[in-house]
Amino acid sequence: SSGINAEYGGAIAPLNVKVPAQATTLGPEKTSFFQALSIPTKITKGTIEILNEVSLIKEGEKVGQSESTLLNMLNISPFTYGLAIENVYDSGTIFSPAILDITDDDIISKFMSGVRNVATISLAIGYPTCASAPHSIINGFKNLLAIAVETDYTFPEAEQTKEYLKDPSKFAALTAAAAPAAEAAPAEKKEEKKEESEESDDDMGFGLFD
């Protein structure tokens, strides 16, 4: 439930309460409430207008009777009251309510962490599992590649690596040539778009400077 009622005067405020500057619907006869609380007001068109935002109640303070009454008159409900769940009991098990906030991403993250642990242990003891198999295959390929590099033995997947080690300058030249080509591509697209726009204007019977 939310709100603050006059009978709650004396309760401890769970948060700071401020009254914003506003034009109220209260008549001049209610001015005394504002004066008692040192809230600057003026009468505008027969109703009370609050001139400035005012800090009415500070967190941890007791709510006074006047403050409670004024908030009710202004229809301001700053507090929310309810039950705070400390523990959850289900089927003989007691657990923290934080467990209820677990998402699918949390479950996937925990599962993947377990898979990584299984893969690590399997690789360490040399026992193959579904989790360690991809790592074993990659490690085996790296070993084959190392052998191919050090010897005359070769296979298709090792050719590019061996070629690079023989003459790294070839790949450096390819990388340097690829960079300008990548930069030129957006410029060409922009030029084509501009030409299409001009052709479209001509088709409609007028040009940019007609």
Protein backbone atom coordinates (compact mmCIF):
# COMPACT_ATOMS: atom_id res chain seq x y z
CA SER A 1 0.00 0.00 0.00
CA SER A 2 1.11 3.60 -0.46
CA GLY A 3 0.34 6.98 1.01
CA ILE A 4 0.55 8.76 4.31
CA ASN A 5 -2.45 9.33 6.54
CA ALA A 6 -2.99 11.70 9.41
CA GLU A 7 -3.01 8.82 11.88
CA TYR A 8 0.52 7.92 10.76
CA GLY A 9 1.91 11.01 12.45
CA GLY A 10 4.90 9.92 14.54
CA ALA A 11 5.99 7.22 12.08
CA ILE A 12 9.62 7.21 10.92
CA ALA A 13 10.07 8.55 7.37
CA PRO A 14 11.82 5.97 5.12
CA LEU A 15 12.94 8.69 2.70
CA ASN A 16 13.21 12.45 2.18
CA VAL A 17 9.96 14.22 1.31
CA LYS A 18 9.84 17.45 -0.67
CA VAL A 19 6.86 19.58 -1.57
CA PRO A 20 7.26 21.04 -5.07
CA ALA A 21 6.34 24.58 -6.06
CA GLN A 22 2.78 24.43 -7.36
CA ALA A 23 -0.60 26.06 -7.58
CA THR A 24 -2.89 24.20 -5.17
CA THR A 25 -6.68 24.00 -5.06
CA LEU A 26 -6.72 25.00 -1.38
CA GLY A 27 -8.45 28.17 -0.28
CA PRO A 28 -6.91 31.02 1.76
CA GLU A 29 -8.31 29.54 4.99
CA LYS A 30 -5.62 26.79 4.80
CA THR A 31 -2.76 29.29 4.86
CA SER A 32 -2.04 28.53 8.52
CA PHE A 33 -0.84 25.02 7.66
CA PHE A 34 1.81 26.43 5.35
CA GLN A 35 2.82 29.16 7.77
CA ALA A 36 3.31 26.62 10.55
CA LEU A 37 5.66 24.67 8.34
CA SER A 38 7.51 27.75 7.02
CA ILE A 39 6.39 27.18 3.45
CA PRO A 40 6.32 30.41 1.40
CA THR A 41 2.97 30.95 -0.33
CA LYS A 42 0.80 33.56 -1.97
CA ILE A 43 -2.85 33.77 -2.94
CA THR A 44 -3.39 33.45 -6.68
CA LYS A 45 -6.94 33.62 -8.08
CA GLY A 46 -8.43 32.68 -4.75
CA THR A 47 -6.19 29.64 -4.09
CA ILE A 48 -2.87 29.06 -2.37
CA GLU A 49 0.25 28.89 -4.53
CA ILE A 50 3.48 27.38 -3.14
CA LEU A 51 6.32 29.60 -4.32
CA ASN A 52 9.36 27.35 -3.84
CA GLU A 53 10.16 23.66 -3.43
CA VAL A 54 10.42 22.87 0.26
CA SER A 55 12.09 19.96 2.06
CA LEU A 56 9.28 18.91 4.39
CA ILE A 57 10.51 15.68 6.01
CA LYS A 58 13.99 14.17 6.19
CA GLU A 59 14.72 10.46 6.09
CA GLY A 60 14.76 8.95 9.58
CA GLU A 61 12.72 11.75 11.16
CA LYS A 62 9.32 11.31 12.73
CA VAL A 63 6.39 12.45 10.62
CA GLY A 64 4.63 15.29 12.43
CA GLN A 65 0.86 15.68 12.52
CA SER A 66 0.99 18.94 10.55
CA GLU A 67 3.23 17.43 7.85
CA SER A 68 0.95 14.41 7.54
CA THR A 69 -2.17 16.57 7.24
CA LEU A 70 -0.58 18.86 4.65
CA LEU A 71 0.56 15.98 2.45
CA ASN A 72 -2.94 14.55 2.49
CA MET A 73 -4.44 17.91 1.52
CA LEU A 74 -2.00 18.12 -1.42
CA ASN A 75 -2.65 14.48 -2.42
CA ILE A 76 1.05 13.66 -2.08
CA SER A 77 1.77 10.01 -1.20
CA PRO A 78 5.53 9.73 -0.73
CA PHE A 79 5.74 6.46 1.20
CA THR A 80 5.14 2.91 0.08
CA TYR A 81 4.49 0.18 2.61
CA GLY A 82 4.64 -3.55 2.04
CA LEU A 83 6.23 -6.83 3.07
CA ALA A 84 9.96 -7.43 2.63
CA ILE A 85 10.59 -11.11 1.88
CA GLU A 86 13.59 -12.39 3.83
CA ASN A 87 13.45 -16.11 3.02
CA VAL A 88 11.42 -18.43 0.82
CA TYR A 89 10.23 -21.91 1.85
CA ASP A 90 9.40 -24.43 -0.85
CA SER A 91 9.11 -28.22 -0.61
CA GLY A 92 11.18 -28.40 2.56
CA THR A 93 13.88 -26.04 1.28
CA ILE A 94 14.59 -22.53 2.55
CA PHE A 95 16.41 -20.18 0.18
CA SER A 96 17.09 -16.49 -0.38
CA PRO A 97 14.54 -14.50 -2.41
CA ALA A 98 17.41 -13.44 -4.70
CA ILE A 99 17.12 -16.89 -6.30
CA LEU A 100 13.72 -15.87 -7.67
CA ASP A 101 15.45 -13.13 -9.71
CA ILE A 102 17.59 -15.63 -11.67
CA THR A 103 17.25 -15.11 -15.43
CA ASP A 104 17.91 -17.41 -18.40
CA ASP A 105 21.22 -15.58 -18.93
CA ASP A 106 22.26 -16.43 -15.35
CA ILE A 107 21.47 -20.12 -15.92
CA ILE A 108 23.37 -20.18 -19.22
CA SER A 109 26.34 -18.43 -17.60
CA LYS A 110 26.48 -21.01 -14.78
CA PHE A 111 26.13 -23.88 -17.26
CA MET A 112 28.94 -22.56 -19.47
CA SER A 113 31.13 -22.12 -16.40
CA GLY A 114 30.58 -25.80 -15.56
CA VAL A 115 31.37 -26.81 -19.16
CA ARG A 116 34.65 -24.87 -19.00
CA ASN A 117 35.55 -26.61 -15.73
CA VAL A 118 34.83 -30.04 -17.23
CA ALA A 119 36.92 -29.19 -20.30
CA THR A 120 39.82 -27.99 -18.16
CA ILE A 121 39.87 -31.13 -16.01
CA SER A 122 39.48 -33.42 -19.03
CA LEU A 123 42.42 -31.79 -20.81
CA ALA A 124 44.55 -31.92 -17.66
CA ILE A 125 44.04 -35.67 -17.08
CA GLY A 126 43.87 -36.64 -20.77
CA TYR A 127 40.33 -37.95 -20.56
CA PRO A 128 38.28 -36.99 -23.66
CA THR A 129 34.77 -35.59 -23.19
CA CYS A 130 32.33 -33.63 -25.36
CA ALA A 131 33.45 -30.45 -23.59
CA SER A 132 37.18 -31.06 -24.21
CA ALA A 133 36.97 -32.56 -27.71
CA PRO A 134 36.99 -29.20 -29.61
CA HIS A 135 40.03 -28.07 -27.61
CA SER A 136 41.79 -31.38 -28.25
CA ILE A 137 41.15 -31.08 -31.99
CA ILE A 138 42.48 -27.50 -32.09
CA ASN A 139 45.55 -28.46 -30.05
CA GLY A 140 46.17 -31.43 -32.35
CA PHE A 141 45.90 -29.17 -35.41
CA LYS A 142 48.40 -26.75 -33.85
CA ASN A 143 50.81 -29.64 -33.28
CA LEU A 144 50.46 -30.80 -36.90
CA LEU A 145 50.99 -27.24 -38.11
CA ALA A 146 54.14 -26.94 -36.00
CA ILE A 147 55.48 -30.20 -37.46
CA ALA A 148 54.70 -29.06 -41.03
CA VAL A 149 56.52 -25.77 -40.44
CA GLU A 150 59.64 -27.49 -39.10
CA THR A 151 59.76 -30.24 -41.73
CA ASP A 152 59.06 -30.82 -45.43
CA TYR A 153 55.75 -32.47 -44.61
CA THR A 154 52.79 -30.39 -45.67
CA PHE A 155 49.00 -30.40 -46.07
CA PRO A 156 46.59 -27.84 -47.60
CA GLU A 157 45.79 -26.08 -44.31
CA ALA A 158 49.51 -25.55 -43.62
CA GLU A 159 50.44 -24.08 -47.03
CA GLN A 160 49.48 -20.48 -46.22
CA THR A 161 51.37 -20.49 -42.93
CA LYS A 162 54.49 -21.93 -44.56
CA GLU A 163 54.24 -19.40 -47.39
CA TYR A 164 53.97 -16.56 -44.90
CA LEU A 165 57.05 -17.74 -42.99
CA LYS A 166 59.04 -17.97 -46.23
CA ASP A 167 58.23 -14.42 -47.34
CA PRO A 168 56.25 -12.22 -44.87
CA SER A 169 56.65 -9.23 -47.21
CA LYS A 170 54.07 -10.71 -49.62
CA PHE A 171 51.36 -10.59 -46.98
CA ALA A 172 52.44 -7.12 -45.84
CA ALA A 173 52.00 -5.89 -49.42
CA LEU A 174 48.55 -7.49 -49.65
CA THR A 175 47.49 -5.85 -46.38
CA ALA A 176 48.72 -2.43 -47.55
CA ALA A 177 46.86 -2.80 -50.87
CA ALA A 178 43.63 -3.87 -49.19
CA ALA A 179 43.42 -0.75 -46.98
CA PRO A 180 43.07 1.88 -49.80
CA ALA A 181 40.59 -0.37 -51.61
CA ALA A 182 38.41 -0.53 -48.47
CA GLU A 183 38.53 3.27 -48.15
CA ALA A 184 37.70 3.81 -51.82
CA ALA A 185 34.59 1.60 -51.74
CA PRO A 186 32.40 4.01 -49.66
CA ALA A 187 33.46 6.95 -51.88
CA GLU A 188 32.43 5.04 -55.03
CA LYS A 189 29.06 4.19 -53.52
CA LYS A 190 28.50 7.84 -52.60
CA GLU A 191 29.37 8.95 -56.17
CA GLU A 192 26.98 6.37 -57.64
CA LYS A 193 24.22 7.57 -55.35
CA LYS A 194 24.81 11.18 -56.42
CA GLU A 195 24.66 10.24 -60.11
CA GLU A 196 21.43 8.32 -59.58
CA SER A 197 19.92 11.39 -57.89
CA GLU A 198 20.85 13.63 -60.82
CA GLU A 199 19.41 11.14 -63.31
CA SER A 200 16.20 11.00 -61.30
CA ASP A 201 15.87 14.79 -61.48
CA ASP A 202 16.39 14.71 -65.25
CA ASP A 203 13.72 12.04 -65.65
CA MET A 204 11.19 14.29 -63.93
CA GLY A 205 11.86 17.05 -66.46
CA PHE A 206 13.98 19.41 -64.38
CA GLY A 207 17.52 19.71 -63.21
CA LEU A 208 19.15 20.99 -60.05
CA PHE A 209 19.51 24.50 -61.51
CA ASP A 210 16.22 24.83 -63.48
